Amino acid sequence: MNRTRRIALPGWSTGEGSWGATKPYLEFLSKFGQVELVTPREGLVPDIDLLVLPGGMDMDAFCYNEVPSFFSGNIDKDKHYFYKQNLKLYIEAGVPIFGICLGMQALNVAFDGKLMQHGHFPYTERPERKELLKFTLPEEDKDLLSNPHAYKVNSMHHQAVTLATLSNELISLATSEFNNVEVLKHKTLPIYGVQYHPEEIYDELSINIIRKLLK
């Protein structure tokens, strides 16, 4: 009998007097296994099958040794502590990891990449918040997507991983219309990241990535 997969999700402040995770993350990830919220104080939780790094507010420029942009916004202290102190423990342990939005950016920074701190993307012209992706899938990842053409996602952000700031240990699988990295993976480790929010759209690519990481 197969045991239930354990999926670790770092929690955060969800409101005045509350801490945890929002319902879209919990509902989406529960399709793949048992979701377990992780506090910053826990370090490496044993026997985890997948670590999911959630999206959120800005990444502090201090994390990658740059002067903050005037457009830099607030940070989430719990997520930042986890990304700075605990993420490396999961990487060293070989735990499969899936990063979402800020979580993808945190993966790039964890492998010595940087971020474009502010991009002037014309989202005001796109109320539906959809971006068309341009894919470059290696042979081993072509089964993740049945049709890479006309594939749109709900990407909305002002900080970004660009091809110029991408870590040397990561490779881009898809870019946006603005040539920012929207999907990436580690060259050798079971680590993927997406810049958009699959917990809102349940897209084919993200579902297949998670299934692949859980195998």
N, C-alpha and C. Protein backbone atom coordinates (compact mmCIF):
# COMPACT_ATOMS: atom_id res chain seq x y z
N MET A 1 0.85 -1.21 0.00
CA MET A 1 0.00 0.00 0.00
C MET A 1 0.87 1.24 0.00
N ASN A 2 0.61 2.15 -0.92
CA ASN A 2 1.40 3.37 -1.01
C ASN A 2 1.02 4.33 0.11
N ARG A 3 2.03 4.92 0.74
CA ARG A 3 1.76 5.89 1.80
C ARG A 3 1.40 7.24 1.19
N THR A 4 0.73 8.05 1.96
CA THR A 4 0.35 9.39 1.52
C THR A 4 1.60 10.27 1.41
N ARG A 5 1.72 10.98 0.32
CA ARG A 5 2.85 11.88 0.12
C ARG A 5 2.76 13.06 1.08
N ARG A 6 3.90 13.47 1.63
CA ARG A 6 3.94 14.59 2.56
C ARG A 6 4.52 15.81 1.86
N ILE A 7 3.75 16.89 1.83
CA ILE A 7 4.15 18.12 1.15
C ILE A 7 4.31 19.22 2.19
N ALA A 8 5.52 19.75 2.32
CA ALA A 8 5.80 20.81 3.28
C ALA A 8 5.57 22.17 2.63
N LEU A 9 4.86 23.03 3.34
CA LEU A 9 4.58 24.39 2.87
C LEU A 9 4.93 25.37 3.98
N PRO A 10 5.96 26.21 3.81
CA PRO A 10 6.26 27.21 4.84
C PRO A 10 5.09 28.16 5.03
N GLY A 11 4.68 28.37 6.28
CA GLY A 11 3.56 29.26 6.56
C GLY A 11 3.98 30.71 6.67
N TRP A 12 2.98 31.58 6.76
CA TRP A 12 3.24 33.02 6.86
C TRP A 12 2.08 33.70 7.57
N SER A 13 2.25 34.97 7.88
CA SER A 13 1.18 35.74 8.51
C SER A 13 0.07 35.98 7.50
N THR A 14 -1.13 35.48 7.82
CA THR A 14 -2.25 35.59 6.89
C THR A 14 -3.24 36.68 7.29
N GLY A 15 -2.92 37.42 8.33
CA GLY A 15 -3.80 38.50 8.78
C GLY A 15 -3.48 38.86 10.22
N GLU A 16 -4.15 39.86 10.71
CA GLU A 16 -3.94 40.30 12.09
C GLU A 16 -4.35 39.17 13.04
N GLY A 17 -3.38 38.65 13.77
CA GLY A 17 -3.66 37.60 14.74
C GLY A 17 -3.80 36.21 14.15
N SER A 18 -3.37 36.01 12.89
CA SER A 18 -3.46 34.67 12.30
C SER A 18 -2.20 34.34 11.51
N TRP A 19 -1.89 33.07 11.46
CA TRP A 19 -0.68 32.58 10.78
C TRP A 19 -0.99 31.24 10.16
N GLY A 20 -0.52 31.01 8.94
CA GLY A 20 -0.78 29.72 8.32
C GLY A 20 -0.54 29.78 6.82
N ALA A 21 -1.59 29.52 6.04
CA ALA A 21 -1.52 29.57 4.58
C ALA A 21 -2.90 29.90 4.05
N THR A 22 -2.95 30.40 2.82
CA THR A 22 -4.25 30.73 2.24
C THR A 22 -4.89 29.50 1.60
N LYS A 23 -6.20 29.54 1.48
CA LYS A 23 -6.94 28.37 1.01
C LYS A 23 -6.55 27.89 -0.39
N PRO A 24 -6.26 28.79 -1.36
CA PRO A 24 -5.89 28.28 -2.68
C PRO A 24 -4.66 27.37 -2.66
N TYR A 25 -3.65 27.70 -1.86
CA TYR A 25 -2.48 26.82 -1.75
C TYR A 25 -2.87 25.48 -1.14
N LEU A 26 -3.62 25.51 -0.06
CA LEU A 26 -3.99 24.28 0.63
C LEU A 26 -4.86 23.39 -0.25
N GLU A 27 -5.81 23.98 -0.95
CA GLU A 27 -6.71 23.20 -1.81
C GLU A 27 -5.96 22.59 -2.98
N PHE A 28 -5.12 23.39 -3.64
CA PHE A 28 -4.36 22.90 -4.80
C PHE A 28 -3.39 21.79 -4.41
N LEU A 29 -2.59 22.02 -3.40
CA LEU A 29 -1.55 21.07 -3.02
C LEU A 29 -2.13 19.80 -2.40
N SER A 30 -3.30 19.90 -1.80
CA SER A 30 -3.91 18.71 -1.19
C SER A 30 -4.34 17.69 -2.24
N LYS A 31 -4.36 18.09 -3.52
CA LYS A 31 -4.66 17.15 -4.59
C LYS A 31 -3.52 16.14 -4.78
N PHE A 32 -2.34 16.49 -4.25
CA PHE A 32 -1.16 15.65 -4.48
C PHE A 32 -0.69 14.92 -3.22
N GLY A 33 -1.21 15.28 -2.06
CA GLY A 33 -0.77 14.63 -0.83
C GLY A 33 -1.22 15.40 0.40
N GLN A 34 -0.60 15.08 1.51
CA GLN A 34 -0.92 15.72 2.79
C GLN A 34 -0.07 16.97 2.97
N VAL A 35 -0.71 18.12 3.06
CA VAL A 35 0.00 19.38 3.20
C VAL A 35 0.31 19.63 4.68
N GLU A 36 1.57 19.92 4.98
CA GLU A 36 2.00 20.18 6.35
C GLU A 36 2.65 21.55 6.43
N LEU A 37 2.08 22.44 7.23
CA LEU A 37 2.65 23.77 7.39
C LEU A 37 3.92 23.70 8.22
N VAL A 38 4.92 24.43 7.79
CA VAL A 38 6.23 24.42 8.44
C VAL A 38 6.51 25.82 9.00
N THR A 39 6.89 25.90 10.26
CA THR A 39 7.26 27.18 10.87
C THR A 39 8.74 27.45 10.61
N PRO A 40 9.17 28.72 10.68
CA PRO A 40 10.58 29.03 10.47
C PRO A 40 11.50 28.34 11.47
N ARG A 41 11.00 27.99 12.63
CA ARG A 41 11.84 27.43 13.69
C ARG A 41 12.11 25.94 13.53
N GLU A 42 11.43 25.28 12.60
CA GLU A 42 11.51 23.83 12.52
C GLU A 42 12.74 23.30 11.79
N GLY A 43 13.39 24.11 10.98
CA GLY A 43 14.52 23.60 10.23
C GLY A 43 14.08 22.56 9.21
N LEU A 44 14.86 21.50 9.06
CA LEU A 44 14.55 20.44 8.11
C LEU A 44 13.57 19.46 8.73
N VAL A 45 12.40 19.34 8.15
CA VAL A 45 11.40 18.37 8.60
C VAL A 45 11.71 17.03 7.93
N PRO A 46 11.89 15.94 8.67
CA PRO A 46 12.27 14.66 8.07
C PRO A 46 11.16 14.03 7.25
N ASP A 47 11.56 13.21 6.27
CA ASP A 47 10.64 12.38 5.48
C ASP A 47 9.62 13.18 4.67
N ILE A 48 10.04 14.35 4.20
CA ILE A 48 9.18 15.17 3.35
C ILE A 48 9.40 14.75 1.89
N ASP A 49 8.30 14.60 1.14
CA ASP A 49 8.38 14.18 -0.26
C ASP A 49 8.51 15.36 -1.22
N LEU A 50 8.01 16.53 -0.81
CA LEU A 50 8.08 17.71 -1.66
C LEU A 50 7.99 18.95 -0.80
N LEU A 51 8.87 19.90 -1.05
CA LEU A 51 8.81 21.22 -0.42
C LEU A 51 8.29 22.21 -1.45
N VAL A 52 7.23 22.94 -1.10
CA VAL A 52 6.67 23.95 -1.98
C VAL A 52 6.95 25.33 -1.38
N LEU A 53 7.59 26.18 -2.15
CA LEU A 53 7.91 27.55 -1.71
C LEU A 53 6.85 28.49 -2.26
N PRO A 54 6.03 29.10 -1.41
CA PRO A 54 4.91 29.92 -1.88
C PRO A 54 5.33 31.30 -2.37
N GLY A 55 4.42 31.95 -3.05
CA GLY A 55 4.64 33.32 -3.49
C GLY A 55 4.41 34.29 -2.36
N GLY A 56 4.53 35.58 -2.67
CA GLY A 56 4.35 36.57 -1.62
C GLY A 56 4.90 37.92 -2.03
N MET A 57 5.33 38.67 -1.03
CA MET A 57 5.82 40.02 -1.28
C MET A 57 7.25 39.99 -1.83
N ASP A 58 7.90 41.13 -1.88
CA ASP A 58 9.19 41.25 -2.54
C ASP A 58 10.30 40.48 -1.84
N MET A 59 11.32 40.16 -2.63
CA MET A 59 12.56 39.61 -2.09
C MET A 59 13.47 40.77 -1.73
N ASP A 60 14.00 40.75 -0.51
CA ASP A 60 14.88 41.82 -0.05
C ASP A 60 16.18 41.79 -0.86
N ALA A 61 16.57 42.96 -1.42
CA ALA A 61 17.80 43.04 -2.21
C ALA A 61 19.04 42.66 -1.40
N PHE A 62 18.95 42.79 -0.09
CA PHE A 62 20.07 42.41 0.78
C PHE A 62 20.42 40.94 0.61
N CYS A 63 19.43 40.13 0.26
CA CYS A 63 19.64 38.68 0.11
C CYS A 63 20.60 38.36 -1.03
N TYR A 64 20.68 39.26 -2.02
CA TYR A 64 21.62 39.01 -3.13
C TYR A 64 22.58 40.19 -3.30
N ASN A 65 22.84 40.88 -2.17
CA ASN A 65 23.91 41.87 -2.08
C ASN A 65 23.78 43.02 -3.08
N GLU A 66 22.56 43.56 -3.18
CA GLU A 66 22.36 44.72 -4.03
C GLU A 66 21.66 45.83 -3.26
N VAL A 67 21.81 47.05 -3.74
CA VAL A 67 21.13 48.19 -3.14
C VAL A 67 19.66 48.13 -3.50
N PRO A 68 18.74 48.34 -2.56
CA PRO A 68 17.31 48.25 -2.87
C PRO A 68 16.87 49.29 -3.91
N SER A 69 15.95 48.88 -4.75
CA SER A 69 15.32 49.80 -5.69
C SER A 69 14.36 50.71 -4.94
N PHE A 70 14.11 51.88 -5.49
CA PHE A 70 13.11 52.76 -4.90
C PHE A 70 11.71 52.15 -4.98
N PHE A 71 11.54 51.18 -5.86
CA PHE A 71 10.25 50.52 -6.02
C PHE A 71 10.13 49.26 -5.17
N SER A 72 11.17 48.92 -4.41
CA SER A 72 11.11 47.72 -3.59
C SER A 72 10.00 47.83 -2.56
N GLY A 73 9.22 46.75 -2.43
CA GLY A 73 8.10 46.76 -1.50
C GLY A 73 8.41 46.03 -0.20
N ASN A 74 7.37 45.74 0.56
CA ASN A 74 7.53 45.06 1.83
C ASN A 74 7.96 43.62 1.64
N ILE A 75 8.53 43.04 2.69
CA ILE A 75 8.94 41.64 2.67
C ILE A 75 8.16 40.87 3.72
N ASP A 76 8.12 39.55 3.55
CA ASP A 76 7.49 38.67 4.52
C ASP A 76 8.59 38.06 5.37
N LYS A 77 8.65 38.44 6.64
CA LYS A 77 9.77 38.04 7.50
C LYS A 77 9.85 36.53 7.68
N ASP A 78 8.71 35.83 7.79
CA ASP A 78 8.73 34.38 7.98
C ASP A 78 9.28 33.67 6.75
N LYS A 79 8.80 34.07 5.56
CA LYS A 79 9.29 33.45 4.34
C LYS A 79 10.75 33.75 4.11
N HIS A 80 11.17 34.99 4.39
CA HIS A 80 12.57 35.35 4.19
C HIS A 80 13.48 34.55 5.11
N TYR A 81 13.07 34.38 6.34
CA TYR A 81 13.89 33.58 7.27
C TYR A 81 14.00 32.15 6.76
N PHE A 82 12.89 31.60 6.32
CA PHE A 82 12.92 30.22 5.81
C PHE A 82 13.82 30.11 4.59
N TYR A 83 13.70 31.06 3.66
CA TYR A 83 14.49 31.00 2.44
C TYR A 83 15.98 31.19 2.72
N LYS A 84 16.29 32.00 3.72
CA LYS A 84 17.70 32.28 4.03
C LYS A 84 18.34 31.20 4.90
N GLN A 85 17.58 30.64 5.85
CA GLN A 85 18.16 29.72 6.82
C GLN A 85 17.81 28.24 6.58
N ASN A 86 16.60 27.96 6.16
CA ASN A 86 16.14 26.58 6.10
C ASN A 86 16.15 25.97 4.70
N LEU A 87 15.99 26.79 3.68
CA LEU A 87 15.93 26.26 2.32
C LEU A 87 17.17 25.45 1.98
N LYS A 88 18.33 25.92 2.39
CA LYS A 88 19.57 25.21 2.06
C LYS A 88 19.61 23.81 2.68
N LEU A 89 18.93 23.63 3.82
CA LEU A 89 18.89 22.31 4.46
C LEU A 89 18.14 21.31 3.58
N TYR A 90 17.06 21.76 2.97
CA TYR A 90 16.28 20.90 2.08
C TYR A 90 17.05 20.61 0.79
N ILE A 91 17.75 21.62 0.28
CA ILE A 91 18.55 21.43 -0.93
C ILE A 91 19.65 20.41 -0.67
N GLU A 92 20.35 20.57 0.45
CA GLU A 92 21.44 19.65 0.79
C GLU A 92 20.93 18.23 1.03
N ALA A 93 19.70 18.10 1.51
CA ALA A 93 19.12 16.79 1.78
C ALA A 93 18.55 16.14 0.51
N GLY A 94 18.53 16.87 -0.60
CA GLY A 94 18.03 16.32 -1.85
C GLY A 94 16.53 16.24 -1.94
N VAL A 95 15.81 17.02 -1.12
CA VAL A 95 14.35 17.03 -1.14
C VAL A 95 13.86 17.71 -2.43
N PRO A 96 12.94 17.09 -3.16
CA PRO A 96 12.37 17.78 -4.34
C PRO A 96 11.70 19.09 -3.92
N ILE A 97 11.87 20.13 -4.75
CA ILE A 97 11.38 21.46 -4.41
C ILE A 97 10.65 22.06 -5.61
N PHE A 98 9.53 22.72 -5.31
CA PHE A 98 8.77 23.44 -6.33
C PHE A 98 8.52 24.85 -5.82
N GLY A 99 9.04 25.86 -6.55
CA GLY A 99 8.90 27.25 -6.15
C GLY A 99 7.84 27.97 -6.97
N ILE A 100 7.02 28.78 -6.28
CA ILE A 100 5.95 29.54 -6.93
C ILE A 100 6.19 31.03 -6.74
N CYS A 101 6.28 31.79 -7.84
CA CYS A 101 6.41 33.25 -7.83
C CYS A 101 7.62 33.68 -6.96
N LEU A 102 7.38 34.27 -5.79
CA LEU A 102 8.49 34.61 -4.89
C LEU A 102 9.33 33.38 -4.59
N GLY A 103 8.69 32.21 -4.48
CA GLY A 103 9.43 30.97 -4.22
C GLY A 103 10.40 30.64 -5.33
N MET A 104 10.02 30.90 -6.58
CA MET A 104 10.94 30.68 -7.70
C MET A 104 12.10 31.67 -7.63
N GLN A 105 11.80 32.92 -7.30
CA GLN A 105 12.85 33.92 -7.17
C GLN A 105 13.82 33.54 -6.05
N ALA A 106 13.28 33.00 -4.95
CA ALA A 106 14.12 32.58 -3.83
C ALA A 106 15.05 31.45 -4.23
N LEU A 107 14.59 30.55 -5.09
CA LEU A 107 15.46 29.48 -5.59
C LEU A 107 16.61 30.05 -6.40
N ASN A 108 16.32 31.02 -7.24
CA ASN A 108 17.37 31.65 -8.04
C ASN A 108 18.41 32.31 -7.15
N VAL A 109 17.95 33.01 -6.11
CA VAL A 109 18.87 33.66 -5.18
C VAL A 109 19.66 32.62 -4.38
N ALA A 110 19.01 31.51 -4.01
CA ALA A 110 19.69 30.46 -3.23
C ALA A 110 20.86 29.86 -3.99
N PHE A 111 20.78 29.89 -5.32
CA PHE A 111 21.87 29.36 -6.15
C PHE A 111 22.70 30.49 -6.75
N ASP A 112 22.78 31.62 -6.01
CA ASP A 112 23.65 32.75 -6.33
C ASP A 112 23.22 33.54 -7.56
N GLY A 113 21.95 33.47 -7.91
CA GLY A 113 21.44 34.34 -8.94
C GLY A 113 20.97 35.65 -8.33
N LYS A 114 20.50 36.57 -9.17
CA LYS A 114 20.00 37.86 -8.70
C LYS A 114 18.63 38.10 -9.30
N LEU A 115 18.03 39.24 -8.99
CA LEU A 115 16.72 39.59 -9.53
C LEU A 115 16.76 40.95 -10.20
N MET A 116 15.93 41.13 -11.20
CA MET A 116 15.62 42.47 -11.68
C MET A 116 14.61 43.02 -10.67
N GLN A 117 14.97 44.08 -10.00
CA GLN A 117 14.17 44.54 -8.88
C GLN A 117 12.86 45.19 -9.27
N HIS A 118 12.81 45.75 -10.46
CA HIS A 118 11.54 46.38 -10.87
C HIS A 118 11.48 46.43 -12.38
N GLY A 119 10.39 45.91 -12.91
CA GLY A 119 10.17 45.95 -14.35
C GLY A 119 8.88 46.68 -14.66
N HIS A 120 8.90 47.47 -15.71
CA HIS A 120 7.71 48.24 -16.10
C HIS A 120 6.91 47.41 -17.11
N PHE A 121 6.15 46.46 -16.60
CA PHE A 121 5.36 45.59 -17.47
C PHE A 121 3.97 46.19 -17.66
N PRO A 122 3.45 46.19 -18.89
CA PRO A 122 2.16 46.86 -19.15
C PRO A 122 0.95 46.03 -18.75
N TYR A 123 0.89 45.65 -17.47
CA TYR A 123 -0.23 44.83 -17.01
C TYR A 123 -1.55 45.59 -17.03
N THR A 124 -1.48 46.92 -16.95
CA THR A 124 -2.72 47.70 -16.95
C THR A 124 -3.48 47.54 -18.27
N GLU A 125 -2.75 47.11 -19.32
CA GLU A 125 -3.39 46.88 -20.60
C GLU A 125 -3.97 45.47 -20.69
N ARG A 126 -3.74 44.66 -19.67
CA ARG A 126 -4.17 43.28 -19.67
C ARG A 126 -4.96 42.94 -18.43
N PRO A 127 -6.23 43.32 -18.33
CA PRO A 127 -7.00 43.05 -17.11
C PRO A 127 -7.15 41.57 -16.80
N GLU A 128 -6.97 40.70 -17.82
CA GLU A 128 -7.13 39.27 -17.56
C GLU A 128 -5.86 38.65 -16.97
N ARG A 129 -4.78 39.44 -16.85
CA ARG A 129 -3.54 38.99 -16.22
C ARG A 129 -2.96 37.74 -16.87
N LYS A 130 -2.99 37.64 -18.16
CA LYS A 130 -2.48 36.46 -18.83
C LYS A 130 -1.23 36.79 -19.65
N GLU A 131 -0.23 35.92 -19.52
CA GLU A 131 0.99 36.06 -20.30
C GLU A 131 1.19 34.83 -21.16
N LEU A 132 1.58 35.03 -22.40
CA LEU A 132 1.89 33.94 -23.31
C LEU A 132 3.33 33.52 -23.11
N LEU A 133 3.56 32.23 -22.87
CA LEU A 133 4.91 31.74 -22.60
C LEU A 133 5.58 31.20 -23.87
N LYS A 134 6.90 31.38 -23.91
CA LYS A 134 7.71 30.84 -25.00
C LYS A 134 8.60 29.75 -24.39
N PHE A 135 8.43 28.50 -24.85
CA PHE A 135 9.08 27.36 -24.21
C PHE A 135 10.35 26.94 -24.92
N THR A 136 11.32 26.48 -24.11
CA THR A 136 12.50 25.79 -24.60
C THR A 136 12.67 24.58 -23.69
N LEU A 137 11.96 23.51 -24.01
CA LEU A 137 11.95 22.33 -23.15
C LEU A 137 12.99 21.31 -23.61
N PRO A 138 13.88 20.88 -22.70
CA PRO A 138 14.80 19.80 -23.06
C PRO A 138 14.03 18.50 -23.25
N GLU A 139 14.66 17.52 -23.85
CA GLU A 139 13.99 16.27 -24.19
C GLU A 139 13.33 15.61 -22.99
N GLU A 140 14.02 15.66 -21.82
CA GLU A 140 13.49 14.97 -20.64
C GLU A 140 12.28 15.67 -20.02
N ASP A 141 11.97 16.89 -20.49
CA ASP A 141 10.83 17.63 -19.94
C ASP A 141 9.70 17.84 -20.96
N LYS A 142 9.84 17.30 -22.15
CA LYS A 142 8.82 17.53 -23.17
C LYS A 142 7.49 16.86 -22.83
N ASP A 143 7.53 15.86 -21.96
CA ASP A 143 6.28 15.19 -21.57
C ASP A 143 5.49 15.99 -20.54
N LEU A 144 6.03 17.13 -20.10
CA LEU A 144 5.33 17.95 -19.11
C LEU A 144 4.18 18.75 -19.72
N LEU A 145 4.19 18.89 -21.03
CA LEU A 145 3.21 19.78 -21.67
C LEU A 145 2.78 19.17 -23.00
N SER A 146 1.47 19.01 -23.18
CA SER A 146 0.97 18.41 -24.41
C SER A 146 1.04 19.37 -25.59
N ASN A 147 0.84 20.67 -25.33
CA ASN A 147 0.87 21.66 -26.40
C ASN A 147 1.52 22.95 -25.89
N PRO A 148 2.79 23.19 -26.22
CA PRO A 148 3.48 24.38 -25.71
C PRO A 148 3.10 25.67 -26.42
N HIS A 149 2.23 25.60 -27.41
CA HIS A 149 1.82 26.79 -28.16
C HIS A 149 0.57 27.40 -27.54
N ALA A 150 0.51 28.72 -27.55
CA ALA A 150 -0.65 29.45 -27.01
C ALA A 150 -0.91 29.11 -25.55
N TYR A 151 0.16 28.91 -24.80
CA TYR A 151 0.03 28.56 -23.38
C TYR A 151 0.13 29.83 -22.54
N LYS A 152 -0.98 30.21 -21.91
CA LYS A 152 -1.01 31.45 -21.15
C LYS A 152 -1.15 31.16 -19.65
N VAL A 153 -0.52 32.00 -18.84
CA VAL A 153 -0.55 31.82 -17.39
C VAL A 153 -0.84 33.17 -16.71
N ASN A 154 -1.19 33.09 -15.43
CA ASN A 154 -1.59 34.28 -14.66
C ASN A 154 -0.38 34.88 -13.94
N SER A 155 0.55 35.40 -14.71
CA SER A 155 1.78 35.96 -14.14
C SER A 155 1.61 37.46 -13.91
N MET A 156 1.83 37.90 -12.67
CA MET A 156 1.72 39.32 -12.36
C MET A 156 2.72 39.65 -11.27
N HIS A 157 3.76 40.37 -11.61
CA HIS A 157 4.84 40.65 -10.67
C HIS A 157 5.64 41.83 -11.20
N HIS A 158 6.43 42.42 -10.32
CA HIS A 158 7.30 43.51 -10.81
C HIS A 158 8.77 43.17 -10.62
N GLN A 159 9.07 42.25 -9.71
CA GLN A 159 10.43 41.70 -9.62
C GLN A 159 10.49 40.47 -10.51
N ALA A 160 11.67 40.18 -11.06
CA ALA A 160 11.73 39.07 -12.02
C ALA A 160 13.12 38.46 -12.07
N VAL A 161 13.14 37.18 -12.43
CA VAL A 161 14.38 36.52 -12.83
C VAL A 161 14.50 36.72 -14.33
N THR A 162 15.60 37.27 -14.78
CA THR A 162 15.84 37.46 -16.21
C THR A 162 16.90 36.47 -16.66
N LEU A 163 17.07 36.35 -17.95
CA LEU A 163 18.12 35.47 -18.47
C LEU A 163 19.49 35.95 -18.02
N ALA A 164 19.62 37.28 -17.85
CA ALA A 164 20.91 37.84 -17.42
C ALA A 164 21.18 37.62 -15.94
N THR A 165 20.11 37.50 -15.11
CA THR A 165 20.29 37.33 -13.67
C THR A 165 20.09 35.88 -13.22
N LEU A 166 19.81 34.98 -14.16
CA LEU A 166 19.57 33.58 -13.84
C LEU A 166 20.84 32.91 -13.32
N SER A 167 20.71 32.14 -12.25
CA SER A 167 21.84 31.40 -11.69
C SER A 167 22.46 30.47 -12.73
N ASN A 168 23.76 30.27 -12.65
CA ASN A 168 24.45 29.35 -13.55
C ASN A 168 24.07 27.90 -13.30
N GLU A 169 23.45 27.64 -12.13
CA GLU A 169 23.06 26.27 -11.80
C GLU A 169 21.64 25.94 -12.26
N LEU A 170 20.94 26.95 -12.79
CA LEU A 170 19.56 26.76 -13.23
C LEU A 170 19.45 26.99 -14.72
N ILE A 171 18.40 26.43 -15.33
CA ILE A 171 18.16 26.67 -16.74
C ILE A 171 16.71 27.12 -16.93
N SER A 172 16.50 27.97 -17.92
CA SER A 172 15.17 28.47 -18.22
C SER A 172 14.44 27.49 -19.13
N LEU A 173 13.18 27.18 -18.77
CA LEU A 173 12.34 26.33 -19.60
C LEU A 173 11.30 27.13 -20.37
N ALA A 174 11.01 28.35 -19.86
CA ALA A 174 10.03 29.20 -20.55
C ALA A 174 10.27 30.65 -20.16
N THR A 175 10.04 31.53 -21.10
CA THR A 175 10.14 32.96 -20.84
C THR A 175 8.81 33.63 -21.19
N SER A 176 8.65 34.84 -20.68
CA SER A 176 7.43 35.61 -20.93
C SER A 176 7.59 36.43 -22.20
N GLU A 177 6.54 37.14 -22.52
CA GLU A 177 6.59 38.06 -23.67
C GLU A 177 7.61 39.16 -23.44
N PHE A 178 7.98 39.40 -22.17
CA PHE A 178 8.97 40.42 -21.83
C PHE A 178 10.36 39.82 -21.66
N ASN A 179 10.51 38.52 -22.03
CA ASN A 179 11.78 37.80 -21.96
C ASN A 179 12.29 37.59 -20.53
N ASN A 180 11.36 37.58 -19.58
CA ASN A 180 11.72 37.19 -18.22
C ASN A 180 11.47 35.69 -18.05
N VAL A 181 12.23 35.08 -17.15
CA VAL A 181 12.09 33.64 -16.93
C VAL A 181 10.78 33.36 -16.19
N GLU A 182 9.95 32.50 -16.75
CA GLU A 182 8.67 32.14 -16.15
C GLU A 182 8.67 30.71 -15.61
N VAL A 183 9.54 29.86 -16.15
CA VAL A 183 9.67 28.48 -15.66
C VAL A 183 11.16 28.13 -15.68
N LEU A 184 11.63 27.52 -14.60
CA LEU A 184 13.04 27.13 -14.54
C LEU A 184 13.19 25.79 -13.84
N LYS A 185 14.38 25.22 -13.95
CA LYS A 185 14.71 23.99 -13.25
C LYS A 185 16.20 23.99 -12.93
N HIS A 186 16.57 23.18 -11.94
CA HIS A 186 17.99 22.99 -11.64
C HIS A 186 18.57 22.01 -12.64
N LYS A 187 19.85 22.17 -12.95
CA LYS A 187 20.49 21.34 -13.96
C LYS A 187 20.57 19.87 -13.55
N THR A 188 20.73 19.61 -12.24
CA THR A 188 20.91 18.22 -11.80
C THR A 188 19.99 17.80 -10.65
N LEU A 189 19.47 18.75 -9.88
CA LEU A 189 18.66 18.41 -8.71
C LEU A 189 17.18 18.43 -9.04
N PRO A 190 16.33 17.75 -8.26
CA PRO A 190 14.88 17.73 -8.51
C PRO A 190 14.21 19.01 -8.03
N ILE A 191 14.49 20.10 -8.73
CA ILE A 191 14.02 21.43 -8.35
C ILE A 191 13.46 22.15 -9.57
N TYR A 192 12.23 22.63 -9.45
CA TYR A 192 11.58 23.41 -10.50
C TYR A 192 10.96 24.67 -9.88
N GLY A 193 10.72 25.67 -10.71
CA GLY A 193 10.05 26.86 -10.23
C GLY A 193 9.24 27.51 -11.34
N VAL A 194 8.12 28.14 -10.96
CA VAL A 194 7.31 28.89 -11.92
C VAL A 194 7.06 30.29 -11.35
N GLN A 195 7.01 31.28 -12.22
CA GLN A 195 6.82 32.65 -11.76
C GLN A 195 5.35 32.99 -11.55
N TYR A 196 4.48 32.21 -12.11
CA TYR A 196 3.05 32.49 -12.01
C TYR A 196 2.42 31.71 -10.84
N HIS A 197 1.08 31.67 -10.79
CA HIS A 197 0.38 31.09 -9.63
C HIS A 197 -0.50 29.90 -10.03
N PRO A 198 0.05 28.69 -10.03
CA PRO A 198 -0.74 27.51 -10.41
C PRO A 198 -1.85 27.18 -9.43
N GLU A 199 -1.75 27.65 -8.18
CA GLU A 199 -2.80 27.37 -7.21
C GLU A 199 -4.10 28.09 -7.55
N GLU A 200 -4.03 29.00 -8.51
CA GLU A 200 -5.23 29.72 -8.95
C GLU A 200 -5.81 29.17 -10.26
N ILE A 201 -4.95 28.55 -11.08
CA ILE A 201 -5.41 28.15 -12.42
C ILE A 201 -5.30 26.66 -12.69
N TYR A 202 -4.61 25.89 -11.83
CA TYR A 202 -4.50 24.43 -11.99
C TYR A 202 -4.02 24.08 -13.41
N ASP A 203 -2.93 24.68 -13.84
CA ASP A 203 -2.48 24.47 -15.21
C ASP A 203 -1.76 23.14 -15.38
N GLU A 204 -1.78 22.64 -16.60
CA GLU A 204 -1.23 21.33 -16.93
C GLU A 204 0.25 21.22 -16.59
N LEU A 205 1.02 22.24 -16.93
CA LEU A 205 2.47 22.19 -16.72
C LEU A 205 2.81 22.01 -15.24
N SER A 206 2.24 22.84 -14.39
CA SER A 206 2.56 22.77 -12.96
C SER A 206 2.11 21.44 -12.35
N ILE A 207 0.94 20.97 -12.75
CA ILE A 207 0.46 19.69 -12.24
C ILE A 207 1.41 18.57 -12.62
N ASN A 208 1.89 18.58 -13.86
CA ASN A 208 2.82 17.53 -14.30
C ASN A 208 4.19 17.66 -13.65
N ILE A 209 4.63 18.90 -13.39
CA ILE A 209 5.90 19.09 -12.67
C ILE A 209 5.81 18.50 -11.27
N ILE A 210 4.72 18.80 -10.57
CA ILE A 210 4.56 18.29 -9.20
C ILE A 210 4.50 16.77 -9.21
N ARG A 211 3.76 16.21 -10.14
CA ARG A 211 3.68 14.74 -10.22
C ARG A 211 5.06 14.14 -10.49
N LYS A 212 5.82 14.79 -11.34
CA LYS A 212 7.17 14.30 -11.66
C LYS A 212 8.07 14.36 -10.42
N LEU A 213 7.98 15.46 -9.66
CA LEU A 213 8.80 15.60 -8.48
C LEU A 213 8.41 14.60 -7.39
N LEU A 214 7.17 14.19 -7.36
CA LEU A 214 6.70 13.26 -6.35
C LEU A 214 6.97 11.80 -6.69
N LYS A 215 7.41 11.53 -7.92
CA LYS A 215 7.68 10.14 -8.30
C LYS A 215 8.89 9.61 -7.55
